Amino acid sequence: MIIFPDIEIQNGQTVNRIRGKENAPEVYDITPLNAAKRFVEAGAEWLHVIDIDGSLQRERVNHELICEIIQAVNIPVQVGGGIRTQSDVDWWLERGAERVVLGTAAVLDRLFTMEVCGRHPGKIVISITGKEGYVVIDGWRTKTSFTALRLAKSFENTGAAAIIYTDLDRFENGEEFGLASTIEIGTQLTIPLISTGTVYTIDDVSKLALLPNIEGVIIGRSVYQGKVDLAQAIEVARVSWVAPELAGEGVAPKLEEVSGIPIKNIDHVGICISDLERSVTFYEKLGFTKERDRGFDRGRPVIMRHNSGVEINLLHKKDRDHAYPPVALEINSLSQTRAFLEFNDIDIIDSYQDELHSVVCVKDPDDNVIELNHYQ
């Protein structure tokens, strides 16, 4: 499980909204930039940065400060707050945001959300806030008729990277409220879930790390108030597997009880060709679009994508001994995959990481290479 330290910015300050009262936030005595640097020093692998003014005013407000944070840290940053259009999404991705968070826009304009997820697969995170079973939007000010679970499930096959679920009942009422709604959504979804509004103590991190399908947890207020040590939370969050006797309570089983690696879907299929121009023309007739050439003449693939989201990689036949995989699978958790492969004595023949994803490769008994991709 990944810990996402939370940096909420209002009027240039690091804040936390209390019960959604935008005019009375809890203000912390640290600048957003210094908070980001401190989180990186503590071992954070991601940052979650929200423009509160942007969320309330429906436009970019603290963008210069957020861009400064993106440039100052060497870890991926997901950005949200007031992002309502395709141009907003493009603007942030062009300026280095690793992922973009859609909240109110995702609820109000489903067609836009599906289009932007298809255009930027793995780059969009849908933020859903639940209160008394229903979704609230506009900075928690407007109640909708959607249930949180129903809305979350509608985004499962859109290409979104994850769902952020804010348990507003627990956030407002305290830790005694429990994790029931988070557990329900986690067990019902196939898309990874990021929990927020749920951490008061380090024990909460331990509990969330054992729940099904929880990819990450966003932590802010408890860290700023000194109730949770971020470095310790990151260490605790690395726990992935627990005893099978607890499985009935909705947590993950031990490794020997797991039926396989946590596959999300087929990432792409590799196809060997002899004539690039002829093949591109053929696949364009099938509805694919040439997305980019990663260096066909140097043994790298040409990427083509269908509007359904299916991706094929074209590689020259002469390079088929290059061990380029005929199939690549997207996985939900790199740490769980590595642990499972090690437990089952399956050798990792190659691994690397770039700005898009982390990759491990294995071979089947006939030396076919299977690539396993985890997008950041």
Protein backbone atom coordinates (compact mmCIF):
# COMPACT_ATOMS: atom_id res chain seq x y z
CA MET A 1 0.00 0.00 0.00
CA ILE A 2 1.25 3.46 -0.91
CA ILE A 3 1.14 6.42 1.46
CA PHE A 4 0.16 9.65 -0.30
CA PRO A 5 1.09 12.64 1.91
CA ASP A 6 -1.55 15.30 1.42
CA ILE A 7 -0.79 18.96 0.69
CA GLU A 8 -3.94 21.09 0.49
CA ILE A 9 -3.32 24.70 -0.54
CA GLN A 10 -5.57 27.68 0.13
CA ASN A 11 -4.43 31.30 -0.18
CA GLY A 12 -0.90 29.98 -0.65
CA GLN A 13 -0.96 28.25 2.75
CA THR A 14 -0.93 24.59 3.81
CA VAL A 15 -4.38 23.86 5.21
CA ASN A 16 -6.90 21.19 6.03
CA ARG A 17 -10.62 21.70 5.64
CA ILE A 18 -12.61 20.98 8.78
CA ARG A 19 -16.09 19.68 8.02
CA GLY A 20 -15.92 21.30 4.59
CA LYS A 21 -15.88 24.85 5.98
CA GLU A 22 -13.79 26.52 3.30
CA ASN A 23 -13.82 29.83 5.18
CA ALA A 24 -12.36 28.30 8.34
CA PRO A 25 -9.59 25.87 7.41
CA GLU A 26 -7.01 24.54 9.81
CA VAL A 27 -3.79 26.32 8.78
CA TYR A 28 -0.39 24.72 9.37
CA ASP A 29 2.85 26.53 10.09
CA ILE A 30 4.74 25.16 7.10
CA THR A 31 4.73 26.26 3.49
CA PRO A 32 3.42 23.84 0.87
CA LEU A 33 6.88 23.62 -0.72
CA ASN A 34 8.62 22.89 2.58
CA ALA A 35 5.96 20.32 3.42
CA ALA A 36 6.65 18.59 0.11
CA LYS A 37 10.39 18.53 0.76
CA ARG A 38 9.88 17.22 4.29
CA PHE A 39 7.64 14.42 3.02
CA VAL A 40 10.22 13.39 0.43
CA GLU A 41 12.91 13.28 3.13
CA ALA A 42 10.65 10.98 5.17
CA GLY A 43 10.55 8.50 2.30
CA ALA A 44 7.33 9.41 0.49
CA GLU A 45 6.92 7.77 -2.92
CA TRP A 46 4.06 10.03 -4.06
CA LEU A 47 2.55 13.41 -3.21
CA HIS A 48 -1.13 14.30 -3.34
CA VAL A 49 -1.55 18.06 -3.92
CA ILE A 50 -4.92 19.82 -4.01
CA ASP A 51 -5.69 23.42 -4.95
CA ILE A 52 -8.53 24.18 -2.52
CA ASP A 53 -9.10 27.63 -4.01
CA GLY A 54 -9.25 26.02 -7.45
CA SER A 55 -11.83 23.51 -6.22
CA LEU A 56 -14.04 26.26 -4.83
CA GLN A 57 -13.57 28.75 -7.67
CA ARG A 58 -13.50 26.15 -10.48
CA GLU A 59 -10.26 27.40 -12.00
CA ARG A 60 -6.51 27.25 -11.45
CA VAL A 61 -5.51 29.50 -8.54
CA ASN A 62 -2.41 28.12 -6.79
CA HIS A 63 -0.96 26.62 -9.96
CA GLU A 64 2.38 28.44 -9.80
CA LEU A 65 3.06 27.09 -6.31
CA ILE A 66 2.02 23.57 -7.29
CA CYS A 67 4.26 23.68 -10.37
CA GLU A 68 7.11 24.72 -8.08
CA ILE A 69 6.46 21.65 -5.94
CA ILE A 70 6.41 19.36 -8.99
CA GLN A 71 9.76 20.73 -10.14
CA ALA A 72 11.34 20.56 -6.68
CA VAL A 73 10.64 16.90 -5.85
CA ASN A 74 11.90 13.74 -7.52
CA ILE A 75 8.75 11.69 -6.92
CA PRO A 76 5.44 11.63 -8.83
CA VAL A 77 2.74 14.12 -7.89
CA GLN A 78 -1.00 13.76 -8.42
CA VAL A 79 -2.81 17.08 -8.64
CA GLY A 80 -6.44 18.04 -8.14
CA GLY A 81 -8.69 21.00 -7.50
CA GLY A 82 -10.83 22.83 -10.04
CA ILE A 83 -9.95 20.58 -12.97
CA ARG A 84 -13.05 20.57 -15.15
CA THR A 85 -11.97 20.41 -18.82
CA GLN A 86 -9.73 18.47 -21.20
CA SER A 87 -7.49 21.52 -21.51
CA ASP A 88 -7.14 21.60 -17.69
CA VAL A 89 -6.01 17.96 -17.71
CA ASP A 90 -3.58 18.54 -20.59
CA TRP A 91 -2.20 21.66 -18.87
CA TRP A 92 -1.26 19.77 -15.71
CA LEU A 93 0.15 16.72 -17.46
CA GLU A 94 2.28 18.96 -19.68
CA ARG A 95 3.69 20.61 -16.56
CA GLY A 96 4.81 17.40 -14.95
CA ALA A 97 1.87 16.15 -12.92
CA GLU A 98 1.99 12.35 -12.94
CA ARG A 99 -1.74 11.96 -12.42
CA VAL A 100 -4.71 14.32 -12.42
CA VAL A 101 -7.58 14.06 -9.95
CA LEU A 102 -11.14 14.65 -11.15
CA GLY A 103 -13.81 15.21 -8.52
CA THR A 104 -16.90 17.28 -9.23
CA ALA A 105 -16.28 17.12 -12.99
CA ALA A 106 -16.36 13.32 -12.89
CA VAL A 107 -19.82 13.37 -11.31
CA LEU A 108 -21.34 16.10 -13.45
CA ASP A 109 -19.94 15.12 -16.84
CA ARG A 110 -19.56 11.36 -17.24
CA LEU A 111 -18.94 11.56 -21.00
CA PHE A 112 -16.06 13.99 -20.48
CA THR A 113 -14.61 11.72 -17.81
CA MET A 114 -14.73 8.63 -20.00
CA GLU A 115 -13.16 10.52 -22.90
CA VAL A 116 -10.32 11.95 -20.83
CA CYS A 117 -9.62 8.57 -19.20
CA GLY A 118 -9.45 6.98 -22.63
CA ARG A 119 -7.15 9.68 -23.91
CA HIS A 120 -4.84 9.45 -20.86
CA PRO A 121 -5.05 5.85 -19.62
CA GLY A 122 -3.54 5.40 -16.18
CA LYS A 123 -3.24 9.16 -15.69
CA ILE A 124 -6.66 10.03 -14.28
CA VAL A 125 -7.83 9.41 -10.72
CA ILE A 126 -11.52 9.78 -9.87
CA SER A 127 -12.21 11.34 -6.47
CA ILE A 128 -15.50 10.40 -4.80
CA THR A 129 -16.61 11.75 -1.44
CA GLY A 130 -19.30 9.84 0.41
CA LYS A 131 -21.54 11.22 3.17
CA GLU A 132 -24.37 9.16 4.67
CA GLY A 133 -24.14 6.83 1.68
CA TYR A 134 -24.38 9.50 -1.03
CA VAL A 135 -21.82 11.39 -3.07
CA VAL A 136 -21.21 15.06 -2.28
CA ILE A 137 -19.53 17.54 -4.65
CA ASP A 138 -18.48 21.19 -4.91
CA GLY A 139 -16.18 21.09 -1.90
CA TRP A 140 -18.64 18.89 0.03
CA ARG A 141 -21.37 21.51 -0.28
CA THR A 142 -23.81 19.72 -2.62
CA LYS A 143 -25.41 16.32 -2.03
CA THR A 144 -26.18 14.21 -5.12
CA SER A 145 -28.52 11.28 -5.73
CA PHE A 146 -25.61 8.90 -6.51
CA THR A 147 -24.42 6.32 -4.04
CA ALA A 148 -20.64 6.21 -3.71
CA LEU A 149 -20.41 2.52 -4.66
CA ARG A 150 -22.61 2.82 -7.72
CA LEU A 151 -20.69 5.82 -9.02
CA ALA A 152 -17.31 4.20 -8.36
CA LYS A 153 -18.28 1.03 -10.23
CA SER A 154 -19.31 3.08 -13.27
CA PHE A 155 -15.68 4.16 -13.71
CA GLU A 156 -14.10 0.70 -13.43
CA ASN A 157 -13.46 0.10 -17.14
CA THR A 158 -12.76 3.63 -18.31
CA GLY A 159 -8.95 3.55 -18.09
CA ALA A 160 -8.87 5.48 -14.81
CA ALA A 161 -5.86 4.68 -12.63
CA ALA A 162 -7.74 4.52 -9.33
CA ILE A 163 -10.67 5.74 -7.27
CA ILE A 164 -10.04 8.05 -4.32
CA TYR A 165 -12.76 7.49 -1.74
CA THR A 166 -13.20 10.06 1.01
CA ASP A 167 -15.16 8.66 3.93
CA LEU A 168 -16.61 11.96 5.08
CA ASP A 169 -18.64 10.37 7.87
CA ARG A 170 -15.48 9.01 9.49
CA PHE A 171 -13.56 12.22 8.80
CA GLU A 172 -16.21 14.34 10.50
CA ASN A 173 -17.20 11.98 13.32
CA GLY A 174 -13.83 10.55 14.30
CA GLU A 175 -12.15 7.16 14.40
CA GLU A 176 -14.94 5.54 16.40
CA PHE A 177 -17.10 5.69 13.26
CA GLY A 178 -15.27 2.70 11.77
CA LEU A 179 -14.24 1.74 8.23
CA ALA A 180 -17.41 0.03 7.04
CA SER A 181 -18.04 2.11 3.93
CA THR A 182 -14.39 1.96 2.86
CA ILE A 183 -14.38 -1.83 3.30
CA GLU A 184 -17.60 -2.18 1.30
CA ILE A 185 -16.28 -0.17 -1.63
CA GLY A 186 -12.90 -1.88 -1.56
CA THR A 187 -14.42 -5.35 -1.70
CA GLN A 188 -16.87 -4.47 -4.49
CA LEU A 189 -14.47 -2.74 -6.88
CA THR A 190 -11.88 -4.16 -9.26
CA ILE A 191 -10.23 -0.79 -9.87
CA PRO A 192 -7.65 0.13 -7.18
CA LEU A 193 -8.96 2.22 -4.29
CA ILE A 194 -7.16 5.04 -2.48
CA SER A 195 -8.64 5.81 0.93
CA THR A 196 -8.71 9.22 2.56
CA GLY A 197 -10.34 10.73 5.61
CA THR A 198 -9.68 7.49 7.50
CA VAL A 199 -6.34 7.85 9.34
CA TYR A 200 -6.16 9.14 12.91
CA THR A 201 -3.42 6.88 14.30
CA ILE A 202 -0.73 4.53 13.04
CA ASP A 203 -3.10 1.64 13.84
CA ASP A 204 -5.45 2.95 11.15
CA VAL A 205 -2.64 2.58 8.62
CA SER A 206 -2.15 -1.03 9.74
CA LYS A 207 -5.84 -1.77 9.33
CA LEU A 208 -6.06 -0.21 5.87
CA ALA A 209 -2.95 -2.10 4.71
CA LEU A 210 -4.79 -5.36 5.38
CA LEU A 211 -8.02 -4.46 3.61
CA PRO A 212 -8.73 -5.78 0.09
CA ASN A 213 -7.96 -3.67 -2.96
CA ILE A 214 -6.61 -0.66 -1.04
CA GLU A 215 -3.80 0.63 -3.26
CA GLY A 216 -3.03 3.61 -1.09
CA VAL A 217 -4.09 5.99 1.64
CA ILE A 218 -3.91 9.78 1.68
CA ILE A 219 -2.65 11.16 4.99
CA GLY A 220 -2.54 14.83 5.90
CA ARG A 221 -4.01 16.18 9.10
CA SER A 222 -2.73 13.39 11.38
CA VAL A 223 0.81 13.95 10.10
CA TYR A 224 0.69 17.75 10.44
CA GLN A 225 -0.66 17.42 13.99
CA GLY A 226 2.09 14.97 14.92
CA LYS A 227 -0.28 12.07 15.63
CA VAL A 228 1.24 9.90 12.89
CA ASP A 229 4.91 9.70 11.96
CA LEU A 230 5.09 9.64 8.17
CA ALA A 231 8.23 7.47 7.95
CA GLN A 232 6.64 4.91 10.27
CA ALA A 233 3.39 4.98 8.30
CA ILE A 234 5.28 4.29 5.07
CA GLU A 235 6.98 1.30 6.68
CA VAL A 236 3.73 -0.07 8.10
CA ALA A 237 2.00 0.36 4.72
CA ARG A 238 4.39 -2.13 3.14
CA VAL A 239 2.50 -4.98 4.84
CA SER A 240 0.53 -6.79 2.14
CA TRP A 241 -0.35 -10.29 3.31
CA VAL A 242 -1.94 -11.68 6.49
CA ALA A 243 -3.11 -14.99 7.90
CA PRO A 244 -5.88 -16.82 6.00
CA GLU A 245 -8.04 -17.11 9.10
CA LEU A 246 -8.58 -13.35 8.79
CA ALA A 247 -9.71 -13.58 5.17
CA GLY A 248 -13.32 -13.93 6.26
CA GLU A 249 -13.08 -10.47 7.76
CA GLY A 250 -12.24 -8.95 4.41
CA VAL A 251 -8.45 -8.88 4.42
CA ALA A 252 -5.91 -10.44 2.09
CA PRO A 253 -4.72 -14.03 2.61
CA LYS A 254 -1.19 -15.28 3.01
CA LEU A 255 0.90 -15.80 -0.10
CA GLU A 256 0.33 -19.53 -0.29
CA GLU A 257 -3.43 -18.93 -0.39
CA VAL A 258 -3.26 -16.43 -3.27
CA SER A 259 -4.29 -17.84 -6.65
CA GLY A 260 -2.05 -15.62 -8.75
CA ILE A 261 -0.49 -12.24 -9.31
CA PRO A 262 -2.79 -9.20 -9.00
CA ILE A 263 -3.53 -8.70 -12.72
CA LYS A 264 -5.65 -5.69 -13.64
CA ASN A 265 -5.93 -6.28 -17.39
CA ILE A 266 -3.95 -6.91 -20.59
CA ASP A 267 -1.71 -3.88 -21.07
CA HIS A 268 -0.72 -4.49 -24.70
CA VAL A 269 0.06 -7.18 -27.25
CA GLY A 270 3.29 -7.34 -29.24
CA ILE A 271 3.09 -8.16 -32.98
CA CYS A 272 6.09 -8.88 -35.21
CA ILE A 273 5.86 -7.35 -38.70
CA SER A 274 8.03 -7.07 -41.82
CA ASP A 275 6.81 -3.79 -43.36
CA LEU A 276 5.94 -0.91 -41.03
CA GLU A 277 4.03 1.25 -43.51
CA ARG A 278 1.94 -1.67 -44.75
CA SER A 279 1.14 -2.83 -41.22
CA VAL A 280 0.24 0.64 -39.97
CA THR A 281 -2.17 1.04 -42.89
CA PHE A 282 -3.74 -2.34 -42.13
CA TYR A 283 -4.28 -1.67 -38.44
CA GLU A 284 -5.60 1.82 -39.15
CA LYS A 285 -8.32 0.15 -41.21
CA LEU A 286 -9.18 -1.85 -38.09
CA GLY A 287 -9.66 1.37 -36.14
CA PHE A 288 -6.21 1.72 -34.56
CA THR A 289 -4.34 5.02 -34.50
CA LYS A 290 -0.57 5.35 -34.60
CA GLU A 291 0.29 6.91 -31.26
CA ARG A 292 4.08 7.09 -31.35
CA ASP A 293 7.24 5.49 -32.72
CA ARG A 294 9.57 4.58 -29.88
CA GLY A 295 12.38 3.76 -32.32
CA PHE A 296 11.28 1.09 -34.78
CA ASP A 297 14.64 1.12 -36.58
CA ARG A 298 16.41 0.54 -33.26
CA GLY A 299 14.39 -2.50 -32.23
CA ARG A 300 11.75 -0.56 -30.32
CA PRO A 301 8.00 -0.74 -31.00
CA VAL A 302 5.54 1.47 -32.79
CA ILE A 303 2.55 2.01 -30.50
CA MET A 304 -0.94 1.84 -31.97
CA ARG A 305 -4.12 2.26 -29.94
CA HIS A 306 -7.77 1.51 -30.60
CA ASN A 307 -10.45 3.88 -29.29
CA SER A 308 -11.58 1.02 -27.04
CA GLY A 309 -8.26 1.36 -25.21
CA VAL A 310 -6.63 -1.77 -26.71
CA GLU A 311 -2.94 -1.22 -27.49
CA ILE A 312 -0.71 -3.14 -29.89
CA ASN A 313 3.06 -2.79 -30.25
CA LEU A 314 4.52 -3.36 -33.73
CA LEU A 315 8.08 -4.73 -33.80
CA HIS A 316 10.21 -5.80 -36.78
CA LYS A 317 10.48 -9.56 -37.33
CA LYS A 318 14.25 -9.35 -37.41
CA ASP A 319 14.12 -8.29 -33.78
CA ARG A 320 11.95 -11.17 -32.57
CA ASP A 321 14.97 -12.61 -30.73
CA HIS A 322 15.11 -9.32 -28.88
CA ALA A 323 12.86 -11.03 -26.27
CA TYR A 324 10.22 -8.36 -26.74
CA PRO A 325 7.12 -9.77 -25.00
CA PRO A 326 4.18 -10.96 -27.09
CA VAL A 327 1.93 -9.93 -24.19
CA ALA A 328 2.20 -7.39 -21.40
CA LEU A 329 -0.11 -7.46 -18.38
CA GLU A 330 -0.98 -4.52 -16.15
CA ILE A 331 -0.80 -5.34 -12.44
CA ASN A 332 -2.42 -3.63 -9.46
CA SER A 333 0.54 -3.93 -7.10
CA LEU A 334 4.23 -4.23 -7.88
CA SER A 335 5.17 -5.18 -4.32
CA GLN A 336 2.57 -7.96 -4.15
CA THR A 337 3.66 -9.26 -7.55
CA ARG A 338 7.33 -9.39 -6.58
CA ALA A 339 6.46 -11.11 -3.30
CA PHE A 340 4.28 -13.67 -5.05
CA LEU A 341 6.90 -14.45 -7.72
CA GLU A 342 9.58 -14.88 -5.08
CA PHE A 343 7.36 -17.11 -2.95
CA ASN A 344 6.63 -19.35 -5.95
CA ASP A 345 10.27 -19.49 -7.15
CA ILE A 346 9.54 -17.68 -10.41
CA ASP A 347 12.64 -15.80 -11.55
CA ILE A 348 12.44 -12.17 -12.60
CA ILE A 349 14.63 -12.01 -15.73
CA ASP A 350 14.52 -8.23 -16.13
CA SER A 351 13.16 -5.18 -14.36
CA TYR A 352 13.29 -1.44 -14.89
CA GLN A 353 11.45 1.79 -14.14
CA ASP A 354 10.82 4.88 -16.23
CA GLU A 355 8.68 7.98 -15.95
CA LEU A 356 5.55 6.00 -16.83
CA HIS A 357 5.73 2.68 -15.06
CA SER A 358 7.66 -0.02 -13.27
CA VAL A 359 8.26 -3.28 -15.13
CA VAL A 360 9.23 -6.82 -14.21
CA CYS A 361 9.59 -9.62 -16.76
CA VAL A 362 9.33 -13.38 -16.36
CA LYS A 363 9.54 -16.34 -18.78
CA ASP A 364 7.21 -19.28 -19.19
CA PRO A 365 8.59 -22.84 -19.72
CA ASP A 366 8.88 -22.19 -23.49
CA ASP A 367 10.93 -19.01 -23.00
CA ASN A 368 8.04 -16.70 -23.87
CA VAL A 369 8.59 -13.39 -22.10
CA ILE A 370 5.68 -12.00 -20.06
CA GLU A 371 5.95 -8.34 -19.13
CA LEU A 372 4.22 -7.15 -15.95
CA ASN A 373 3.60 -3.40 -15.80
CA HIS A 374 2.62 -1.26 -12.84
CA TYR A 375 1.77 2.34 -13.73
CA GLN A 376 2.78 4.97 -11.19
